C-alpha cells in the first residue's frame, strides 16, 4: 500500500513485488507540483499494468478487467429508471468496511439500484458475484473523460467512497453535478499532503465531499485545522459492525471443526512469507497443538512454500477430500494450509489465539478485528502503526506485538500456559470490539436527516 503522501490514492500497489513502487513520484515530490505528479501517475499506471500483466496475473486482471467496463455499464444502466447509489472501494478490506452501510441501505431503501466498484483485483475478483449490489465492476482509471462518461452513464444520486480513496476527476465530477458525495470510515494522518503547505491539490479533493465520516478524533482535528469542520463527524469504524455481524451469524466449517476438536488451536490469517518463517518452528515442534494457516496469496507457488515450511501440514482441500471419502488421514498432521478465499473470518471462531499476518512488511497488518470479535488474544508483527485498532487493542490488553520468531514463541507459550494472562487478554479483545460498534447506524441517521436517502 502506498500512503497517500505523494498525491496517489491509497491501495494502488496491487501488484506488490511486480510493479515498480513509483520511486519517480516519491523522488520528485518536492520538485514537481502534486497535480503534475498525479497526472503522470494516472497516465503511466495503466501502461505499466499492461506490461506487468505479461507475467503477473493480478496485473493482467487489473488491465483486462477495465477494457469493457463502459460497455457493460451502458448495457446495464441504459434502461434503468431507478435512483442509483454508487459505492467505491479500493480493495477487499475496504469493501468489508463499507459493506455494513451498503447492506443497511439495501434493507431500508430497496428502491435504489446499487453500483459497487473496485480499484483492485483482490477486491473485484473475490466479490464480483456479491448479491448485495445490482452491478459490480472495476473503476475506470481516473481522467476527465472517464469521469464524465462514467457519471453520464450511471447518473448516481449518492456517491460513497470508503476510507481513503481520492480520485480527483471523479470527485470533481460529483461536485460539478451537485451529487452528494460521502466518505465512509475515513482516517487521516498529519503526514498526508492534505495538511502540508503544498497540499492545495488534495484539499480541493476534500472540498468535493458533502460529508466526511471519520474513525477518530485525531482525524477530525486534522480536518478542522484546514477548515473542514461543519461537514465532519466522528462516527467510528464500520468494520466493527461488520465483524460483529459475522460473529453473530456464524456458520460452522465442518472440516475445521473436525481438525480442531480436542486441541488448542492457533489460526494465522493473511500470512506472508515472513510471518510463516516466524511461526513455522513453533508449529513444527508443538505437534499436540493445531494450526490453521491462511496465506494472503494462494497462488500455487505460495502454497507449496507453506507446505515446505510447515513439516506436518496438508492443504485444506486435501483434508476435506479425505473426510468426504472417509479415508484414513495421514499420521502426524497438525497444520492445515487454507487454499481458498472467503473462509478466514469463520476460521477464527475455532482459534484459542489468532496470529494476524502482514506485520513484517511495509504495508502492515491485515484485519485483526475479524479475530478479536471472537474474544481471543491477537498477536502480530512489529509493523502496525497505521492501524489505530491494533494500537487500541494492545492498550486494552487484547493484542500483543512481537519483534521476531523468538519473541513470538515466548508470547504464544505465555498465553497457552498461563490461564490468567490468557483469560484477561481474551476478555479484553472481545470487549474492545463490542464497545466500538454502531458506526453504521450513525452514518445512516445523518444520511436520513439530510434527506440523502429519500425513497
Protein backbone atom coordinates (compact mmCIF):
# COMPACT_ATOMS: atom_id res chain seq x y z
CA UNK A 1 0.00 0.00 0.00
CA UNK A 2 1.20 3.49 -0.77
CA UNK A 3 0.24 6.03 1.84
CA UNK A 4 -1.37 9.00 0.10
CA UNK A 5 1.63 11.15 0.88
CA UNK A 6 2.58 11.82 -2.69
CA UNK A 7 -0.71 12.56 -4.35
CA UNK A 8 -1.61 8.99 -5.19
CA UNK A 9 -4.61 7.19 -3.67
CA UNK A 10 -4.29 4.52 -1.04
CA UNK A 11 -4.17 0.88 -2.08
CA UNK A 12 -2.76 1.18 -5.56
CA UNK A 13 0.15 -1.25 -5.36
CA UNK A 14 -1.99 -4.27 -6.01
CA UNK A 15 0.93 -5.84 -7.87
CA UNK A 16 3.35 -5.51 -4.94
CA UNK A 17 6.63 -7.13 -5.87
CA UNK A 18 5.92 -6.83 -9.59
CA UNK A 19 5.29 -3.21 -10.47
CA UNK A 20 7.88 -0.59 -9.56
CA UNK A 21 6.95 1.36 -6.47
CA UNK A 22 6.90 4.61 -8.41
CA UNK A 23 10.13 5.98 -7.00
CA UNK A 24 9.85 8.61 -9.72
CA UNK A 25 6.94 10.20 -7.92
CA UNK A 26 8.49 9.89 -4.49
CA UNK A 27 11.82 11.34 -5.56
CA UNK A 28 10.27 14.25 -7.42
CA UNK A 29 7.53 15.07 -4.92
CA UNK A 30 9.48 18.04 -3.62
CA UNK A 31 10.26 19.35 -7.11
CA UNK A 32 7.04 18.95 -9.09
CA UNK A 33 3.51 20.16 -8.29
CA UNK A 34 1.37 17.36 -6.92
CA UNK A 35 -1.15 17.90 -9.70
CA UNK A 36 1.54 17.10 -12.27
CA UNK A 37 2.68 14.07 -10.30
CA UNK A 38 -0.91 12.86 -10.19
CA UNK A 39 -1.32 13.32 -13.95
CA UNK A 40 1.89 11.40 -14.65
CA UNK A 41 0.68 8.63 -12.36
CA UNK A 42 -2.74 8.17 -13.97
CA UNK A 43 -1.09 8.25 -17.39
CA UNK A 44 1.62 5.68 -16.66
CA UNK A 45 -0.17 3.27 -14.33
CA UNK A 46 -2.33 1.52 -16.98
CA UNK A 47 0.67 1.17 -19.27
CA UNK A 48 2.76 -0.36 -16.51
CA UNK A 49 -0.13 -2.67 -15.67
CA UNK A 50 -0.25 -3.83 -19.31
CA UNK A 51 3.49 -4.57 -19.39
CA UNK A 52 3.47 -6.23 -15.98
CA UNK A 53 0.43 -8.26 -17.00
CA UNK A 54 2.57 -10.20 -19.44
CA UNK A 55 3.93 -12.18 -16.50
CA UNK A 56 1.74 -11.30 -13.49
CA UNK A 57 -1.86 -12.49 -13.12
CA UNK A 58 -3.05 -9.66 -10.87
CA UNK A 59 -1.73 -7.00 -13.20
CA UNK A 60 -3.33 -8.79 -16.13
CA UNK A 61 -6.69 -8.91 -14.35
CA UNK A 62 -6.41 -5.21 -13.49
CA UNK A 63 -5.82 -4.25 -17.11
CA UNK A 64 -8.21 -6.66 -18.84
CA UNK A 65 -10.96 -6.04 -16.31
CA UNK A 66 -11.24 -2.41 -17.46
CA UNK A 67 -11.35 -2.96 -21.20
CA UNK A 68 -15.14 -3.38 -21.44
CA UNK A 69 -16.27 -1.53 -18.32
CA UNK A 70 -18.09 1.25 -20.14
CA UNK A 71 -19.78 -1.24 -22.45
CA UNK A 72 -21.12 -3.29 -19.54
CA UNK A 73 -22.14 -0.17 -17.61
CA UNK A 74 -24.05 1.16 -20.62
CA UNK A 75 -25.74 -2.19 -21.13
CA UNK A 76 -26.89 -2.33 -17.52
CA UNK A 77 -27.93 1.28 -16.93
CA UNK A 78 -29.37 2.37 -20.30
CA UNK A 79 -32.87 1.17 -19.34
CA UNK A 80 -32.60 1.95 -15.63
CA UNK A 81 -35.20 4.33 -14.19
CA UNK A 82 -34.43 3.86 -10.50
CA UNK A 83 -32.12 6.15 -8.49
CA UNK A 84 -28.58 4.80 -8.14
CA UNK A 85 -26.24 4.68 -5.17
CA UNK A 86 -22.62 4.18 -6.12
CA UNK A 87 -20.09 2.84 -3.60
CA UNK A 88 -16.40 2.67 -4.48
CA UNK A 89 -13.83 0.59 -2.60
CA UNK A 90 -10.12 0.21 -3.22
CA UNK A 91 -9.99 -3.48 -2.44
CA UNK A 92 -11.49 -6.30 -0.39
CA UNK A 93 -10.71 -4.80 3.00
CA UNK A 94 -12.43 -1.54 2.14
CA UNK A 95 -15.42 -3.46 0.79
CA UNK A 96 -15.81 -5.25 4.11
CA UNK A 97 -15.61 -1.82 5.73
CA UNK A 98 -18.33 -0.33 3.54
CA UNK A 99 -20.48 -3.45 3.41
CA UNK A 100 -22.50 -2.81 6.62
CA UNK A 101 -23.62 0.57 5.28
CA UNK A 102 -24.39 -0.85 1.84
CA UNK A 103 -26.49 -3.62 3.33
CA UNK A 104 -28.30 -1.24 5.68
CA UNK A 105 -29.24 0.93 2.69
CA UNK A 106 -30.33 -2.10 0.69
CA UNK A 107 -32.54 -3.30 3.54
CA UNK A 108 -34.16 0.05 4.35
CA UNK A 109 -34.28 1.54 0.83
CA UNK A 110 -34.84 -1.29 -1.67
CA UNK A 111 -35.96 1.20 -4.33
CA UNK A 112 -32.35 2.13 -5.13
CA UNK A 113 -30.08 0.40 -7.60
CA UNK A 114 -26.63 -0.18 -6.12
CA UNK A 115 -23.41 0.04 -8.12
CA UNK A 116 -20.24 -1.30 -6.49
CA UNK A 117 -16.80 -0.56 -8.00
CA UNK A 118 -13.30 -1.70 -7.11
CA UNK A 119 -9.83 -0.48 -7.97
CA UNK A 120 -8.01 -3.73 -7.19
CA UNK A 121 -8.47 -7.30 -8.50
CA UNK A 122 -8.16 -8.58 -4.93
CA UNK A 123 -11.48 -6.88 -4.27
CA UNK A 124 -13.31 -7.33 -7.57
CA UNK A 125 -12.34 -10.93 -8.26
CA UNK A 126 -13.47 -12.07 -4.81
CA UNK A 127 -16.73 -10.08 -4.66
CA UNK A 128 -17.81 -9.83 -8.30
CA UNK A 129 -20.77 -12.12 -7.53
CA UNK A 130 -21.81 -10.31 -4.35
CA UNK A 131 -25.60 -10.33 -4.25
CA UNK A 132 -25.95 -7.10 -2.27
CA UNK A 133 -25.21 -4.93 -5.33
CA UNK A 134 -27.04 -4.73 -8.64
CA UNK A 135 -23.91 -4.22 -10.72
CA UNK A 136 -20.22 -4.72 -9.84
CA UNK A 137 -17.24 -3.64 -11.93
CA UNK A 138 -13.77 -2.13 -11.92
CA UNK A 139 -13.49 1.64 -11.68
CA UNK A 140 -12.06 3.03 -14.94
CA UNK A 141 -8.78 4.85 -14.42
CA UNK A 142 -9.25 8.43 -13.32
CA UNK A 143 -9.30 11.05 -16.09
CA UNK A 144 -11.59 13.94 -17.10
CA UNK A 145 -13.06 11.94 -19.99
CA UNK A 146 -13.57 8.74 -18.00
CA UNK A 147 -15.16 10.53 -15.05
CA UNK A 148 -17.57 12.46 -17.28
CA UNK A 149 -18.54 9.35 -19.24
CA UNK A 150 -18.97 7.29 -16.07
CA UNK A 151 -21.33 9.81 -14.44
CA UNK A 152 -23.26 10.28 -17.68
CA UNK A 153 -23.97 6.55 -17.86
CA UNK A 154 -24.60 5.78 -14.19
CA UNK A 155 -26.36 9.02 -13.10
CA UNK A 156 -25.82 8.32 -9.37
CA UNK A 157 -27.91 10.20 -6.83
CA UNK A 158 -25.50 9.43 -3.97
CA UNK A 159 -21.79 8.51 -4.04
CA UNK A 160 -19.97 6.70 -1.22
CA UNK A 161 -16.18 6.42 -1.14
CA UNK A 162 -14.68 4.16 1.53
CA UNK A 163 -11.77 5.05 3.82
CA UNK A 164 -9.06 6.72 1.72
CA UNK A 165 -9.76 6.54 -1.97
CA UNK A 166 -9.34 10.01 -3.51
CA UNK A 167 -9.68 10.09 -7.29
CA UNK A 168 -9.52 13.74 -8.34
CA UNK A 169 -11.64 13.79 -11.50
CA UNK A 170 -14.36 11.53 -10.17
CA UNK A 171 -14.64 13.70 -7.07
CA UNK A 172 -14.75 16.91 -9.08
CA UNK A 173 -17.36 15.47 -11.44
CA UNK A 174 -19.62 14.66 -8.49
CA UNK A 175 -19.21 18.19 -7.16
CA UNK A 176 -19.89 19.83 -10.52
CA UNK A 177 -23.05 17.77 -10.93
CA UNK A 178 -24.17 18.59 -7.34
CA UNK A 179 -24.31 14.93 -6.41
CA UNK A 180 -23.92 14.22 -2.67
CA UNK A 181 -20.54 12.63 -2.00
CA UNK A 182 -19.76 10.90 1.30
CA UNK A 183 -16.52 9.50 2.74
CA UNK A 184 -17.12 6.42 4.91
CA UNK A 185 -14.79 5.48 7.78
CA UNK A 186 -12.09 7.90 6.68
CA UNK A 187 -8.83 8.19 8.55
CA UNK A 188 -6.25 10.95 8.24
CA UNK A 189 -2.68 11.48 9.43
CA UNK A 190 -0.61 14.63 9.80
CA UNK A 191 1.93 13.25 7.31
CA UNK A 192 -0.57 13.37 4.46
CA UNK A 193 -0.37 16.23 1.94
CA UNK A 194 -3.83 17.49 2.88
CA UNK A 195 -2.16 19.10 5.89
CA UNK A 196 1.01 20.40 4.22
CA UNK A 197 1.70 23.79 2.68
CA UNK A 198 1.88 22.18 -0.75
CA UNK A 199 -1.38 20.24 -0.35
CA UNK A 200 -3.80 22.55 -2.16
CA UNK A 201 -4.48 19.92 -4.82
CA UNK A 202 -5.54 17.44 -2.14
CA UNK A 203 -7.60 19.94 -0.19
CA UNK A 204 -9.52 20.59 -3.38
CA UNK A 205 -10.43 16.89 -3.42
CA UNK A 206 -11.79 17.16 0.11
CA UNK A 207 -13.91 20.15 -0.92
CA UNK A 208 -15.93 17.82 -3.12
CA UNK A 209 -17.32 15.83 -0.17
CA UNK A 210 -20.71 16.63 1.33
CA UNK A 211 -19.88 14.66 4.50
CA UNK A 212 -16.67 13.19 5.88
CA UNK A 213 -17.33 10.40 8.39
CA UNK A 214 -14.03 9.67 10.15
CA UNK A 215 -12.89 6.98 12.51
CA UNK A 216 -11.35 9.03 15.31
CA UNK A 217 -10.97 12.44 16.95
CA UNK A 218 -7.44 12.85 15.61
CA UNK A 219 -8.73 12.73 12.04
CA UNK A 220 -11.48 15.21 12.84
CA UNK A 221 -8.98 17.57 14.47
CA UNK A 222 -6.68 17.47 11.46
CA UNK A 223 -9.55 18.26 9.12
CA UNK A 224 -10.71 21.09 11.36
CA UNK A 225 -7.20 22.57 11.26
CA UNK A 226 -7.55 23.12 7.50
CA UNK A 227 -11.08 24.45 7.59
CA UNK A 228 -13.19 21.30 7.41
CA UNK A 229 -15.40 21.17 10.46
CA UNK A 230 -19.05 21.59 9.65
CA UNK A 231 -19.31 18.50 7.44
CA UNK A 232 -17.04 16.23 9.53
CA UNK A 233 -18.37 13.71 12.02
CA UNK A 234 -16.58 11.13 14.15
CA UNK A 235 -18.65 8.00 13.56
CA UNK A 236 -16.10 5.29 14.28
CA UNK A 237 -15.18 2.39 12.02
CA UNK A 238 -17.91 0.43 10.22
CA UNK A 239 -15.63 -2.63 10.24
CA UNK A 240 -16.66 -3.23 13.85
CA UNK A 241 -20.27 -3.59 12.73
CA UNK A 242 -19.19 -5.97 10.00
CA UNK A 243 -17.22 -8.34 12.23
CA UNK A 244 -19.91 -8.25 14.92
CA UNK A 245 -22.44 -9.27 12.26
CA UNK A 246 -20.20 -12.10 11.01
CA UNK A 247 -19.70 -13.49 14.50
CA UNK A 248 -23.42 -13.26 15.29
CA UNK A 249 -24.30 -15.16 12.12
CA UNK A 250 -21.51 -17.74 12.40
CA UNK A 251 -21.99 -20.95 10.46
CA UNK A 252 -19.76 -23.96 11.22
CA UNK A 253 -16.91 -25.10 9.00
CA UNK A 254 -17.16 -28.88 9.19
CA UNK A 255 -13.57 -29.74 8.20
CA UNK A 256 -12.10 -27.18 10.59
CA UNK A 257 -14.32 -28.44 13.38
CA UNK A 258 -13.15 -31.99 12.81
CA UNK A 259 -9.50 -30.96 12.61
CA UNK A 260 -9.54 -28.83 15.76
CA UNK A 261 -11.66 -31.00 18.04
CA UNK A 262 -9.96 -31.67 21.37
CA UNK A 263 -6.91 -29.48 20.69
CA UNK A 264 -5.67 -25.98 21.42
CA UNK A 265 -5.69 -24.06 18.15
CA UNK A 266 -3.74 -21.19 16.60
CA UNK A 267 -5.17 -19.63 13.44
CA UNK A 268 -2.77 -17.49 11.41
CA UNK A 269 -4.62 -15.29 8.93
CA UNK A 270 -3.42 -13.45 5.82
CA UNK A 271 0.18 -14.53 6.29
CA UNK A 272 3.14 -13.59 4.12
CA UNK A 273 6.42 -15.47 3.88
CA UNK A 274 7.99 -13.55 6.76
CA UNK A 275 5.06 -14.45 9.00
CA UNK A 276 5.29 -18.13 8.17
CA UNK A 277 9.05 -18.14 8.72
CA UNK A 278 8.42 -16.69 12.18
CA UNK A 279 5.75 -19.25 13.03
CA UNK A 280 6.89 -22.47 11.34
CA UNK A 281 9.32 -23.63 14.02
CA UNK A 282 6.66 -23.30 16.69
CA UNK A 283 4.17 -25.32 14.62
CA UNK A 284 6.77 -27.95 13.73
CA UNK A 285 7.77 -28.53 17.35
CA UNK A 286 4.34 -28.30 19.07
CA UNK A 287 2.68 -31.29 17.44
CA UNK A 288 -0.03 -31.50 20.14
CA UNK A 289 -1.40 -28.14 19.00
CA UNK A 290 -3.40 -27.50 15.86
CA UNK A 291 -2.50 -24.74 13.40
CA UNK A 292 -4.60 -23.32 10.58
CA UNK A 293 -2.60 -21.14 8.19
CA UNK A 294 -4.45 -18.92 5.72
CA UNK A 295 -1.88 -17.34 3.36
CA UNK A 296 -2.68 -13.93 1.93
CA UNK A 297 -1.76 -15.25 -1.52
CA UNK A 298 -2.99 -18.69 -2.56
CA UNK A 299 -1.09 -18.97 -5.82
CA UNK A 300 0.38 -22.49 -6.27
CA UNK A 301 3.96 -21.39 -5.57
CA UNK A 302 2.98 -19.74 -2.30
CA UNK A 303 1.00 -22.76 -1.15
CA UNK A 304 3.95 -25.01 -1.93
CA UNK A 305 6.19 -22.72 0.10
CA UNK A 306 3.87 -23.10 3.10
CA UNK A 307 3.87 -26.88 2.75
CA UNK A 308 7.68 -26.82 2.82
CA UNK A 309 7.87 -24.55 5.87
CA UNK A 310 5.29 -26.44 7.92
CA UNK A 311 6.56 -30.00 8.18
CA UNK A 312 3.31 -31.60 9.39
CA UNK A 313 0.92 -29.87 7.02
CA UNK A 314 -1.55 -30.57 4.27
CA UNK A 315 -3.84 -28.41 2.15
CA UNK A 316 -7.33 -27.74 3.46
CA UNK A 317 -8.86 -29.01 0.19
CA UNK A 318 -6.98 -32.32 0.54
CA UNK A 319 -8.14 -32.67 4.14
CA UNK A 320 -11.77 -32.23 3.12
CA UNK A 321 -11.35 -34.88 0.40
CA UNK A 322 -10.09 -37.37 2.97
CA UNK A 323 -13.12 -36.67 5.12
CA UNK A 324 -15.60 -36.91 2.26
CA UNK A 325 -14.13 -40.17 1.02
CA UNK A 326 -13.81 -41.48 4.60
CA UNK A 327 -10.16 -42.33 4.04
CA UNK A 328 -7.67 -42.66 6.93
CA UNK A 329 -5.90 -39.36 7.48
CA UNK A 330 -2.10 -39.15 7.24
CA UNK A 331 -0.49 -39.50 10.67
CA UNK A 332 1.11 -36.57 12.42
CA UNK A 333 -0.73 -33.77 10.60
CA UNK A 334 -1.10 -30.74 12.88
CA UNK A 335 -1.33 -27.93 10.31
CA UNK A 336 -3.84 -27.06 7.61
CA UNK A 337 -2.90 -24.68 4.80
CA UNK A 338 -6.06 -22.95 3.61
CA UNK A 339 -6.16 -22.85 -0.18
CA UNK A 340 -9.38 -20.89 -0.65
CA UNK A 341 -10.57 -17.33 -0.09
CA UNK A 342 -13.52 -16.17 1.98
CA UNK A 343 -13.40 -18.57 4.92
CA UNK A 344 -10.91 -16.87 7.23
CA UNK A 345 -13.38 -14.81 9.27
CA UNK A 346 -15.18 -18.02 10.27
CA UNK A 347 -11.98 -19.98 10.94
CA UNK A 348 -11.05 -17.57 13.72
CA UNK A 349 -14.04 -18.98 15.63
CA UNK A 350 -12.02 -22.18 16.23
CA UNK A 351 -8.89 -20.40 17.49
CA UNK A 352 -7.59 -20.06 21.01
CA UNK A 353 -5.11 -17.50 19.69
CA UNK A 354 -5.03 -15.61 16.40
CA UNK A 355 -1.89 -14.52 14.58
CA UNK A 356 -2.50 -11.71 12.07
CA UNK A 357 -0.18 -11.58 9.06
CA UNK A 358 1.46 -8.61 7.38
CA UNK A 359 3.28 -7.19 10.38
CA UNK A 360 6.74 -7.79 8.91
CA UNK A 361 6.02 -5.94 5.66
CA UNK A 362 5.87 -2.29 4.67
CA UNK A 363 2.08 -2.21 4.45
CA UNK A 364 1.44 -3.54 7.95
CA UNK A 365 -1.02 -6.00 9.40
CA UNK A 366 -4.30 -7.22 7.98
CA UNK A 367 -7.68 -7.09 9.72
CA UNK A 368 -7.28 -8.01 13.39
CA UNK A 369 -10.93 -7.27 14.27
CA UNK A 370 -12.13 -10.42 12.45
CA UNK A 371 -10.30 -12.44 15.10
CA UNK A 372 -10.75 -10.24 18.18
CA UNK A 373 -14.55 -10.32 17.83
CA UNK A 374 -14.48 -13.96 18.96
CA UNK A 375 -12.88 -12.98 22.28
CA UNK A 376 -9.42 -14.42 21.66
CA UNK A 377 -5.94 -12.89 22.12
CA UNK A 378 -4.43 -11.47 18.95
CA UNK A 379 -0.72 -11.47 18.04
CA UNK A 380 1.00 -9.70 15.13
CA UNK A 381 4.36 -8.42 13.92
CA UNK A 382 6.02 -5.06 14.57
CA UNK A 383 4.54 -3.02 11.69
CA UNK A 384 1.07 -1.90 12.77
CA UNK A 385 1.43 1.87 13.28
CA UNK A 386 -1.10 2.77 10.56
CA UNK A 387 -3.86 0.78 12.25
CA UNK A 388 -5.50 2.51 15.18
CA UNK A 389 -7.44 -0.61 16.16
CA UNK A 390 -4.18 -2.51 16.64
CA UNK A 391 -2.81 0.23 18.89
CA UNK A 392 -6.01 0.33 20.90
CA UNK A 393 -6.19 -3.46 21.20
CA UNK A 394 -2.67 -3.51 22.60
CA UNK A 395 -3.55 -0.74 25.06
CA UNK A 396 -6.65 -2.68 26.10
CA UNK A 397 -4.58 -5.81 26.73
CA UNK A 398 -6.19 -7.89 23.99
CA UNK A 399 -3.30 -7.87 21.48
CA UNK A 400 0.46 -8.32 21.50
CA UNK A 401 3.09 -7.19 19.01
CA UNK A 402 6.15 -9.39 18.53
CA UNK A 403 9.52 -8.43 17.05
CA UNK A 404 10.74 -11.79 15.75
CA UNK A 405 10.28 -15.56 15.85
CA UNK A 406 11.80 -15.96 19.30
CA UNK A 407 9.55 -13.29 20.77
CA UNK A 408 6.56 -14.88 19.04
CA UNK A 409 7.25 -18.28 20.57
CA UNK A 410 7.66 -16.73 24.01
CA UNK A 411 4.38 -14.86 23.72
CA UNK A 412 2.47 -17.89 22.49
CA UNK A 413 3.85 -20.02 25.34
CA UNK A 414 2.75 -17.45 27.90
CA UNK A 415 -0.77 -17.25 26.51
CA UNK A 416 -1.15 -21.02 26.25
CA UNK A 417 0.32 -21.85 29.65
CA UNK A 418 -0.88 -19.01 31.90
CA UNK A 419 -4.66 -19.20 32.23
CA UNK A 420 -4.92 -15.86 34.00
CA UNK A 421 -2.99 -13.98 31.31
CA UNK A 422 -4.94 -15.76 28.59
CA UNK A 423 -8.31 -15.04 30.20
CA UNK A 424 -7.65 -11.34 30.65
CA UNK A 425 -6.38 -10.95 27.08
CA UNK A 426 -9.31 -12.86 25.61
CA UNK A 427 -11.87 -10.81 27.53
CA UNK A 428 -10.15 -7.55 26.61
CA UNK A 429 -10.19 -8.41 22.90
CA UNK A 430 -13.88 -9.27 22.87
CA UNK A 431 -14.90 -6.25 24.96
CA UNK A 432 -12.93 -3.90 22.73
CA UNK A 433 -14.83 -4.95 19.61
CA UNK A 434 -18.26 -5.00 21.23
CA UNK A 435 -17.90 -1.48 22.63
CA UNK A 436 -16.91 0.05 19.29
CA UNK A 437 -19.93 -0.93 17.18
CA UNK A 438 -22.59 1.45 15.92
CA UNK A 439 -20.84 3.46 13.18
CA UNK A 440 -23.27 2.27 10.52
CA UNK A 441 -26.31 3.50 12.44
CA UNK A 442 -24.70 6.91 12.98
CA UNK A 443 -23.98 7.34 9.28
CA UNK A 444 -27.46 6.19 8.29
CA UNK A 445 -29.01 8.69 10.69
CA UNK A 446 -27.09 11.61 9.16
CA UNK A 447 -27.93 10.50 5.61
CA UNK A 448 -31.59 10.29 6.53
CA UNK A 449 -31.67 13.59 8.42
CA UNK A 450 -30.14 15.36 5.43
CA UNK A 451 -32.55 13.65 3.03
CA UNK A 452 -29.81 11.94 1.07
CA UNK A 453 -31.90 8.77 1.22
CA UNK A 454 -35.49 9.61 0.42
CA UNK A 455 -37.33 6.85 -1.43
